[in-house]
Amino acid sequence: MQTEGTHIYNTTEDLALRKSQLAKEIEAKEEEVALLWHSLAAPQKAATKGEHIANLISNSITAIDAFLLVRKLMKHYGNLLPLARKRKTKK
C-alpha cells in the first residue's frame, strides 16, 4: 500500500530521477526563501522625514533587542561559544 509522500523505486534510474526532482524543488524553495528574507531584511526607503525617523527608531529598537538577547544568553550560558569556554581543572 502506497501512501502520499512514499514512493516505490524499482530501479536506480527511478531513484536518480526522484533525487533530481527533489534537488530542483529544494533549489526553488531556497530561492523563494532568499527573496523573502531579502525583502524582510532590506532597508526600506523613506519618502518623507517622518518615515525616515520612524525607520531609524525601528532599526535602533532592533539593535537594542539584539544586544539584550546576546547579553541574556551570555548571562545564562556564560559564553556564546562552548568551545571558547575554559575548562576548569579539578585539583
PDB file of N, CA and C in Angstrom:
ATOM      1  N   MET A   1       0.843  -1.182   0.000  1.00  0.00           N
ATOM      2  CA  MET A   1       0.000   0.000   0.000  1.00  0.00           C
ATOM      3  C   MET A   1       0.885   1.241   0.000  1.00  0.00           C
ATOM      4  N   GLN A   2       0.682   2.117  -0.921  1.00  0.00           N
ATOM      5  CA  GLN A   2       1.479   3.324  -1.051  1.00  0.00           C
ATOM      6  C   GLN A   2       0.661   4.520  -0.593  1.00  0.00           C
ATOM      7  N   THR A   3       1.214   5.270   0.346  1.00  0.00           N
ATOM      8  CA  THR A   3       0.529   6.460   0.840  1.00  0.00           C
ATOM      9  C   THR A   3       1.190   7.690   0.249  1.00  0.00           C
ATOM     10  N   GLU A   4       0.530   8.821   0.463  1.00  0.00           N
ATOM     11  CA  GLU A   4       1.089  10.069  -0.049  1.00  0.00           C
ATOM     12  C   GLU A   4       2.408  10.361   0.652  1.00  0.00           C
ATOM     13  N   GLY A   5       3.419  10.705  -0.125  1.00  0.00           N
ATOM     14  CA  GLY A   5       4.720  11.008   0.456  1.00  0.00           C
ATOM     15  C   GLY A   5       5.677   9.832   0.408  1.00  0.00           C
ATOM     16  N   THR A   6       5.169   8.633   0.106  1.00  0.00           N
ATOM     17  CA  THR A   6       6.050   7.478  -0.027  1.00  0.00           C
ATOM     18  C   THR A   6       6.113   7.088  -1.488  1.00  0.00           C
ATOM     19  N   HIS A   7       7.263   6.634  -1.899  1.00  0.00           N
ATOM     20  CA  HIS A   7       7.471   6.263  -3.288  1.00  0.00           C
ATOM     21  C   HIS A   7       8.124   4.888  -3.334  1.00  0.00           C
ATOM     22  N   ILE A   8       7.790   4.143  -4.365  1.00  0.00           N
ATOM     23  CA  ILE A   8       8.408   2.842  -4.592  1.00  0.00           C
ATOM     24  C   ILE A   8       9.362   2.994  -5.767  1.00  0.00           C
ATOM     25  N   TYR A   9      10.603   2.644  -5.540  1.00  0.00           N
ATOM     26  CA  TYR A   9      11.621   2.760  -6.568  1.00  0.00           C
ATOM     27  C   TYR A   9      12.019   1.351  -7.009  1.00  0.00           C
ATOM     28  N   ASN A  10      11.874   1.082  -8.306  1.00  0.00           N
ATOM     29  CA  ASN A  10      12.204  -0.240  -8.832  1.00  0.00           C
ATOM     30  C   ASN A  10      13.620  -0.307  -9.390  1.00  0.00           C
ATOM     31  N   THR A  11      14.130   0.832  -9.839  1.00  0.00           N
ATOM     32  CA  THR A  11      15.473   0.851 -10.418  1.00  0.00           C
ATOM     33  C   THR A  11      16.246   2.032  -9.867  1.00  0.00           C
ATOM     34  N   THR A  12      17.540   2.000 -10.119  1.00  0.00           N
ATOM     35  CA  THR A  12      18.371   3.118  -9.682  1.00  0.00           C
ATOM     36  C   THR A  12      18.062   4.368 -10.504  1.00  0.00           C
ATOM     37  N   GLU A  13      17.569   4.181 -11.735  1.00  0.00           N
ATOM     38  CA  GLU A  13      17.190   5.328 -12.556  1.00  0.00           C
ATOM     39  C   GLU A  13      16.003   6.057 -11.935  1.00  0.00           C
ATOM     40  N   ASP A  14      15.031   5.279 -11.394  1.00  0.00           N
ATOM     41  CA  ASP A  14      13.890   5.894 -10.706  1.00  0.00           C
ATOM     42  C   ASP A  14      14.372   6.719  -9.515  1.00  0.00           C
ATOM     43  N   LEU A  15      15.312   6.158  -8.795  1.00  0.00           N
ATOM     44  CA  LEU A  15      15.858   6.839  -7.626  1.00  0.00           C
ATOM     45  C   LEU A  15      16.614   8.100  -8.040  1.00  0.00           C
ATOM     46  N   ALA A  16      17.408   8.013  -9.104  1.00  0.00           N
ATOM     47  CA  ALA A  16      18.151   9.182  -9.589  1.00  0.00           C
ATOM     48  C   ALA A  16      17.206  10.265 -10.090  1.00  0.00           C
ATOM     49  N   LEU A  17      16.128   9.864 -10.769  1.00  0.00           N
ATOM     50  CA  LEU A  17      15.147  10.828 -11.255  1.00  0.00           C
ATOM     51  C   LEU A  17      14.483  11.552 -10.091  1.00  0.00           C
ATOM     52  N   ARG A  18      14.090  10.798  -9.070  1.00  0.00           N
ATOM     53  CA  ARG A  18      13.455  11.407  -7.892  1.00  0.00           C
ATOM     54  C   ARG A  18      14.435  12.338  -7.176  1.00  0.00           C
ATOM     55  N   LYS A  19      15.703  11.937  -7.131  1.00  0.00           N
ATOM     56  CA  LYS A  19      16.712  12.772  -6.484  1.00  0.00           C
ATOM     57  C   LYS A  19      16.859  14.097  -7.218  1.00  0.00           C
ATOM     58  N   SER A  20      16.879  14.064  -8.550  1.00  0.00           N
ATOM     59  CA  SER A  20      16.996  15.303  -9.309  1.00  0.00           C
ATOM     60  C   SER A  20      15.746  16.165  -9.156  1.00  0.00           C
ATOM     61  N   GLN A  21      14.556  15.545  -9.074  1.00  0.00           N
ATOM     62  CA  GLN A  21      13.325  16.305  -8.847  1.00  0.00           C
ATOM     63  C   GLN A  21      13.362  17.009  -7.495  1.00  0.00           C
ATOM     64  N   LEU A  22      13.801  16.276  -6.481  1.00  0.00           N
ATOM     65  CA  LEU A  22      13.887  16.877  -5.145  1.00  0.00           C
ATOM     66  C   LEU A  22      14.911  17.999  -5.103  1.00  0.00           C
ATOM     67  N   ALA A  23      16.029  17.833  -5.817  1.00  0.00           N
ATOM     68  CA  ALA A  23      17.051  18.879  -5.857  1.00  0.00           C
ATOM     69  C   ALA A  23      16.492  20.151  -6.491  1.00  0.00           C
ATOM     70  N   LYS A  24      15.694  19.994  -7.559  1.00  0.00           N
ATOM     71  CA  LYS A  24      15.079  21.160  -8.203  1.00  0.00           C
ATOM     72  C   LYS A  24      14.082  21.835  -7.272  1.00  0.00           C
ATOM     73  N   GLU A  25      13.287  21.028  -6.549  1.00  0.00           N
ATOM     74  CA  GLU A  25      12.317  21.594  -5.607  1.00  0.00           C
ATOM     75  C   GLU A  25      13.024  22.351  -4.488  1.00  0.00           C
ATOM     76  N   ILE A  26      14.103  21.769  -3.985  1.00  0.00           N
ATOM     77  CA  ILE A  26      14.855  22.414  -2.902  1.00  0.00           C
ATOM     78  C   ILE A  26      15.455  23.724  -3.392  1.00  0.00           C
ATOM     79  N   GLU A  27      16.005  23.731  -4.595  1.00  0.00           N
ATOM     80  CA  GLU A  27      16.592  24.952  -5.145  1.00  0.00           C
ATOM     81  C   GLU A  27      15.536  26.040  -5.311  1.00  0.00           C
ATOM     82  N   ALA A  28      14.347  25.660  -5.786  1.00  0.00           N
ATOM     83  CA  ALA A  28      13.268  26.634  -5.948  1.00  0.00           C
ATOM     84  C   ALA A  28      12.838  27.202  -4.592  1.00  0.00           C
ATOM     85  N   LYS A  29      12.739  26.346  -3.593  1.00  0.00           N
ATOM     86  CA  LYS A  29      12.349  26.806  -2.253  1.00  0.00           C
ATOM     87  C   LYS A  29      13.428  27.707  -1.663  1.00  0.00           C
ATOM     88  N   GLU A  30      14.718  27.370  -1.893  1.00  0.00           N
ATOM     89  CA  GLU A  30      15.804  28.206  -1.389  1.00  0.00           C
ATOM     90  C   GLU A  30      15.745  29.602  -2.004  1.00  0.00           C
ATOM     91  N   GLU A  31      15.457  29.672  -3.300  1.00  0.00           N
ATOM     92  CA  GLU A  31      15.342  30.973  -3.952  1.00  0.00           C
ATOM     93  C   GLU A  31      14.174  31.763  -3.387  1.00  0.00           C
ATOM     94  N   GLU A  32      13.061  31.085  -3.130  1.00  0.00           N
ATOM     95  CA  GLU A  32      11.891  31.758  -2.567  1.00  0.00           C
ATOM     96  C   GLU A  32      12.196  32.292  -1.172  1.00  0.00           C
ATOM     97  N   VAL A  33      12.862  31.490  -0.356  1.00  0.00           N
ATOM     98  CA  VAL A  33      13.213  31.926   0.991  1.00  0.00           C
ATOM     99  C   VAL A  33      14.202  33.088   0.929  1.00  0.00           C
ATOM    100  N   ALA A  34      15.155  33.024   0.003  1.00  0.00           N
ATOM    101  CA  ALA A  34      16.131  34.110  -0.130  1.00  0.00           C
ATOM    102  C   ALA A  34      15.450  35.416  -0.510  1.00  0.00           C
ATOM    103  N   LEU A  35      14.483  35.342  -1.422  1.00  0.00           N
ATOM    104  CA  LEU A  35      13.758  36.553  -1.807  1.00  0.00           C
ATOM    105  C   LEU A  35      12.953  37.114  -0.643  1.00  0.00           C
ATOM    106  N   LEU A  36      12.287  36.233   0.098  1.00  0.00           N
ATOM    107  CA  LEU A  36      11.510  36.686   1.251  1.00  0.00           C
ATOM    108  C   LEU A  36      12.416  37.287   2.328  1.00  0.00           C
ATOM    109  N   TRP A  37      13.558  36.639   2.562  1.00  0.00           N
ATOM    110  CA  TRP A  37      14.485  37.130   3.581  1.00  0.00           C
ATOM    111  C   TRP A  37      15.034  38.488   3.160  1.00  0.00           C
ATOM    112  N   HIS A  38      15.359  38.627   1.881  1.00  0.00           N
ATOM    113  CA  HIS A  38      15.893  39.904   1.397  1.00  0.00           C
ATOM    114  C   HIS A  38      14.853  41.013   1.553  1.00  0.00           C
ATOM    115  N   SER A  39      13.613  40.710   1.226  1.00  0.00           N
ATOM    116  CA  SER A  39      12.572  41.734   1.365  1.00  0.00           C
ATOM    117  C   SER A  39      12.330  42.092   2.826  1.00  0.00           C
ATOM    118  N   LEU A  40      12.561  41.134   3.715  1.00  0.00           N
ATOM    119  CA  LEU A  40      12.378  41.400   5.139  1.00  0.00           C
ATOM    120  C   LEU A  40      13.546  42.197   5.709  1.00  0.00           C
ATOM    121  N   ALA A  41      14.769  41.850   5.297  1.00  0.00           N
ATOM    122  CA  ALA A  41      15.957  42.450   5.889  1.00  0.00           C
ATOM    123  C   ALA A  41      16.428  43.700   5.165  1.00  0.00           C
ATOM    124  N   ALA A  42      15.957  43.944   3.969  1.00  0.00           N
ATOM    125  CA  ALA A  42      16.413  45.103   3.202  1.00  0.00           C
ATOM    126  C   ALA A  42      15.899  46.387   3.838  1.00  0.00           C
ATOM    127  N   PRO A  43      16.750  47.389   3.917  1.00  0.00           N
ATOM    128  CA  PRO A  43      16.284  48.664   4.472  1.00  0.00           C
ATOM    129  C   PRO A  43      15.256  49.305   3.552  1.00  0.00           C
ATOM    130  N   GLN A  44      14.261  49.883   4.158  1.00  0.00           N
ATOM    131  CA  GLN A  44      13.190  50.496   3.379  1.00  0.00           C
ATOM    132  C   GLN A  44      13.534  51.955   3.088  1.00  0.00           C
ATOM    133  N   LYS A  45      13.198  52.393   1.898  1.00  0.00           N
ATOM    134  CA  LYS A  45      13.440  53.782   1.512  1.00  0.00           C
ATOM    135  C   LYS A  45      12.350  54.654   2.120  1.00  0.00           C
ATOM    136  N   ALA A  46      12.772  55.733   2.717  1.00  0.00           N
ATOM    137  CA  ALA A  46      11.830  56.658   3.335  1.00  0.00           C
ATOM    138  C   ALA A  46      11.502  57.779   2.360  1.00  0.00           C
ATOM    139  N   ALA A  47      10.227  58.012   2.174  1.00  0.00           N
ATOM    140  CA  ALA A  47       9.792  59.070   1.254  1.00  0.00           C
ATOM    141  C   ALA A  47       9.755  60.423   1.956  1.00  0.00           C
ATOM    142  N   THR A  48       9.473  60.410   3.256  1.00  0.00           N
ATOM    143  CA  THR A  48       9.370  61.664   3.998  1.00  0.00           C
ATOM    144  C   THR A  48      10.301  61.618   5.201  1.00  0.00           C
ATOM    145  N   LYS A  49      10.481  62.768   5.824  1.00  0.00           N
ATOM    146  CA  LYS A  49      11.334  62.819   7.017  1.00  0.00           C
ATOM    147  C   LYS A  49      10.729  62.009   8.155  1.00  0.00           C
ATOM    148  N   GLY A  50       9.407  62.013   8.243  1.00  0.00           N
ATOM    149  CA  GLY A  50       8.740  61.234   9.292  1.00  0.00           C
ATOM    150  C   GLY A  50       8.995  59.743   9.130  1.00  0.00           C
ATOM    151  N   GLU A  51       8.928  59.253   7.890  1.00  0.00           N
ATOM    152  CA  GLU A  51       9.219  57.840   7.646  1.00  0.00           C
ATOM    153  C   GLU A  51      10.683  57.538   7.930  1.00  0.00           C
ATOM    154  N   HIS A  52      11.565  58.478   7.601  1.00  0.00           N
ATOM    155  CA  HIS A  52      12.994  58.289   7.876  1.00  0.00           C
ATOM    156  C   HIS A  52      13.234  58.153   9.378  1.00  0.00           C
ATOM    157  N   ILE A  53      12.620  59.005  10.152  1.00  0.00           N
ATOM    158  CA  ILE A  53      12.771  58.953  11.614  1.00  0.00           C
ATOM    159  C   ILE A  53      12.162  57.662  12.155  1.00  0.00           C
ATOM    160  N   ALA A  54      11.015  57.262  11.625  1.00  0.00           N
ATOM    161  CA  ALA A  54      10.385  56.014  12.064  1.00  0.00           C
ATOM    162  C   ALA A  54      11.283  54.813  11.755  1.00  0.00           C
ATOM    163  N   ASN A  55      11.933  54.818  10.583  1.00  0.00           N
ATOM    164  CA  ASN A  55      12.861  53.732  10.241  1.00  0.00           C
ATOM    165  C   ASN A  55      14.068  53.724  11.166  1.00  0.00           C
ATOM    166  N   LEU A  56      14.599  54.903  11.499  1.00  0.00           N
ATOM    167  CA  LEU A  56      15.725  54.982  12.425  1.00  0.00           C
ATOM    168  C   LEU A  56      15.352  54.423  13.792  1.00  0.00           C
ATOM    169  N   ILE A  57      14.177  54.775  14.259  1.00  0.00           N
ATOM    170  CA  ILE A  57      13.727  54.281  15.564  1.00  0.00           C
ATOM    171  C   ILE A  57      13.539  52.767  15.512  1.00  0.00           C
ATOM    172  N   SER A  58      12.942  52.279  14.444  1.00  0.00           N
ATOM    173  CA  SER A  58      12.741  50.835  14.299  1.00  0.00           C
ATOM    174  C   SER A  58      14.068  50.089  14.270  1.00  0.00           C
ATOM    175  N   ASN A  59      15.031  50.592  13.514  1.00  0.00           N
ATOM    176  CA  ASN A  59      16.347  49.954  13.451  1.00  0.00           C
ATOM    177  C   ASN A  59      17.056  50.012  14.798  1.00  0.00           C
ATOM    178  N   SER A  60      16.898  51.114  15.517  1.00  0.00           N
ATOM    179  CA  SER A  60      17.510  51.245  16.837  1.00  0.00           C
ATOM    180  C   SER A  60      16.919  50.237  17.814  1.00  0.00           C
ATOM    181  N   ILE A  61      15.611  50.076  17.774  1.00  0.00           N
ATOM    182  CA  ILE A  61      14.955  49.114  18.658  1.00  0.00           C
ATOM    183  C   ILE A  61      15.407  47.698  18.335  1.00  0.00           C
ATOM    184  N   THR A  62      15.561  47.392  17.046  1.00  0.00           N
ATOM    185  CA  THR A  62      16.041  46.077  16.648  1.00  0.00           C
ATOM    186  C   THR A  62      17.458  45.840  17.163  1.00  0.00           C
ATOM    187  N   ALA A  63      18.323  46.835  17.061  1.00  0.00           N
ATOM    188  CA  ALA A  63      19.700  46.705  17.530  1.00  0.00           C
ATOM    189  C   ALA A  63      19.743  46.524  19.051  1.00  0.00           C
ATOM    190  N   ILE A  64      18.947  47.296  19.760  1.00  0.00           N
ATOM    191  CA  ILE A  64      18.898  47.165  21.226  1.00  0.00           C
ATOM    192  C   ILE A  64      18.374  45.789  21.620  1.00  0.00           C
ATOM    193  N   ASP A  65      17.344  45.319  20.924  1.00  0.00           N
ATOM    194  CA  ASP A  65      16.793  43.996  21.204  1.00  0.00           C
ATOM    195  C   ASP A  65      17.835  42.905  20.984  1.00  0.00           C
ATOM    196  N   ALA A  66      18.600  43.011  19.895  1.00  0.00           N
ATOM    197  CA  ALA A  66      19.652  42.027  19.625  1.00  0.00           C
ATOM    198  C   ALA A  66      20.724  42.074  20.713  1.00  0.00           C
ATOM    199  N   PHE A  67      21.107  43.274  21.137  1.00  0.00           N
ATOM    200  CA  PHE A  67      22.099  43.413  22.199  1.00  0.00           C
ATOM    201  C   PHE A  67      21.608  42.785  23.494  1.00  0.00           C
ATOM    202  N   LEU A  68      20.360  43.042  23.853  1.00  0.00           N
ATOM    203  CA  LEU A  68      19.811  42.477  25.091  1.00  0.00           C
ATOM    204  C   LEU A  68      19.707  40.949  25.015  1.00  0.00           C
ATOM    205  N   LEU A  69      19.379  40.418  23.840  1.00  0.00           N
ATOM    206  CA  LEU A  69      19.325  38.976  23.668  1.00  0.00           C
ATOM    207  C   LEU A  69      20.704  38.348  23.870  1.00  0.00           C
ATOM    208  N   VAL A  70      21.719  38.937  23.260  1.00  0.00           N
ATOM    209  CA  VAL A  70      23.081  38.419  23.428  1.00  0.00           C
ATOM    210  C   VAL A  70      23.502  38.506  24.882  1.00  0.00           C
ATOM    211  N   ARG A  71      23.192  39.608  25.533  1.00  0.00           N
ATOM    212  CA  ARG A  71      23.541  39.773  26.950  1.00  0.00           C
ATOM    213  C   ARG A  71      22.859  38.712  27.819  1.00  0.00           C
ATOM    214  N   LYS A  72      21.581  38.457  27.532  1.00  0.00           N
ATOM    215  CA  LYS A  72      20.840  37.453  28.298  1.00  0.00           C
ATOM    216  C   LYS A  72      21.422  36.063  28.071  1.00  0.00           C
ATOM    217  N   LEU A  73      21.753  35.744  26.821  1.00  0.00           N
ATOM    218  CA  LEU A  73      22.349  34.433  26.535  1.00  0.00           C
ATOM    219  C   LEU A  73      23.688  34.264  27.217  1.00  0.00           C
ATOM    220  N   MET A  74      24.501  35.326  27.190  1.00  0.00           N
ATOM    221  CA  MET A  74      25.815  35.237  27.839  1.00  0.00           C
ATOM    222  C   MET A  74      25.664  35.107  29.352  1.00  0.00           C
ATOM    223  N   LYS A  75      24.676  35.766  29.921  1.00  0.00           N
ATOM    224  CA  LYS A  75      24.463  35.665  31.360  1.00  0.00           C
ATOM    225  C   LYS A  75      24.005  34.261  31.733  1.00  0.00           C
ATOM    226  N   HIS A  76      23.132  33.689  30.901  1.00  0.00           N
ATOM    227  CA  HIS A  76      22.579  32.372  31.203  1.00  0.00           C
ATOM    228  C   HIS A  76      23.589  31.262  30.944  1.00  0.00           C
ATOM    229  N   TYR A  77      24.285  31.324  29.809  1.00  0.00           N
ATOM    230  CA  TYR A  77      25.195  30.249  29.427  1.00  0.00           C
ATOM    231  C   TYR A  77      26.647  30.556  29.745  1.00  0.00           C
ATOM    232  N   GLY A  78      26.975  31.762  30.080  1.00  0.00           N
ATOM    233  CA  GLY A  78      28.337  32.102  30.427  1.00  0.00           C
ATOM    234  C   GLY A  78      29.182  32.481  29.228  1.00  0.00           C
ATOM    235  N   ASN A  79      28.852  31.947  28.072  1.00  0.00           N
ATOM    236  CA  ASN A  79      29.598  32.259  26.862  1.00  0.00           C
ATOM    237  C   ASN A  79      28.767  31.817  25.674  1.00  0.00           C
ATOM    238  N   LEU A  80      28.888  32.489  24.569  1.00  0.00           N
ATOM    239  CA  LEU A  80      28.128  32.108  23.389  1.00  0.00           C
ATOM    240  C   LEU A  80      28.727  30.898  22.694  1.00  0.00           C
ATOM    241  N   LEU A  81      30.029  30.766  22.754  1.00  0.00           N
ATOM    242  CA  LEU A  81      30.691  29.642  22.103  1.00  0.00           C
ATOM    243  C   LEU A  81      31.165  28.648  23.146  1.00  0.00           C
ATOM    244  N   PRO A  82      30.598  27.454  23.176  1.00  0.00           N
ATOM    245  CA  PRO A  82      31.008  26.488  24.186  1.00  0.00           C
ATOM    246  C   PRO A  82      32.462  26.074  24.036  1.00  0.00           C
ATOM    247  N   LEU A  83      33.010  26.138  22.832  1.00  0.00           N
ATOM    248  CA  LEU A  83      34.408  25.768  22.630  1.00  0.00           C
ATOM    249  C   LEU A  83      35.351  26.807  23.220  1.00  0.00           C
ATOM    250  N   ALA A  84      34.910  28.042  23.310  1.00  0.00           N
ATOM    251  CA  ALA A  84      35.746  29.107  23.842  1.00  0.00           C
ATOM    252  C   ALA A  84      35.775  29.095  25.367  1.00  0.00           C
ATOM    253  N   ARG A  85      34.861  28.358  25.961  1.00  0.00           N
ATOM    254  CA  ARG A  85      34.791  28.299  27.414  1.00  0.00           C
ATOM    255  C   ARG A  85      36.002  27.547  27.951  1.00  0.00           C
ATOM    256  N   LYS A  86      36.645  28.131  28.927  1.00  0.00           N
ATOM    257  CA  LYS A  86      37.794  27.467  29.535  1.00  0.00           C
ATOM    258  C   LYS A  86      37.296  26.375  30.455  1.00  0.00           C
ATOM    259  N   ARG A  87      37.929  25.234  30.332  1.00  0.00           N
ATOM    260  CA  ARG A  87      37.536  24.108  31.190  1.00  0.00           C
ATOM    261  C   ARG A  87      38.231  24.245  32.544  1.00  0.00           C
ATOM    262  N   LYS A  88      37.453  24.026  33.575  1.00  0.00           N
ATOM    263  CA  LYS A  88      38.009  24.087  34.917  1.00  0.00           C
ATOM    264  C   LYS A  88      38.643  22.747  35.259  1.00  0.00           C
ATOM    265  N   THR A  89      39.825  22.791  35.791  1.00  0.00           N
ATOM    266  CA  THR A  89      40.503  21.561  36.183  1.00  0.00           C
ATOM    267  C   THR A  89      40.358  21.369  37.676  1.00  0.00           C
ATOM    268  N   LYS A  90      40.115  20.136  38.059  1.00  0.00           N
ATOM    269  CA  LYS A  90      39.971  19.831  39.476  1.00  0.00           C
ATOM    270  C   LYS A  90      41.340  19.548  40.058  1.00  0.00           C
ATOM    271  N   LYS A  91      41.590  20.085  41.238  1.00  0.00           N
ATOM    272  CA  LYS A  91      42.876  19.850  41.901  1.00  0.00           C
ATOM    273  C   LYS A  91      42.714  18.872  43.010  1.00  0.00           C
TER     274      LYS A  91
END
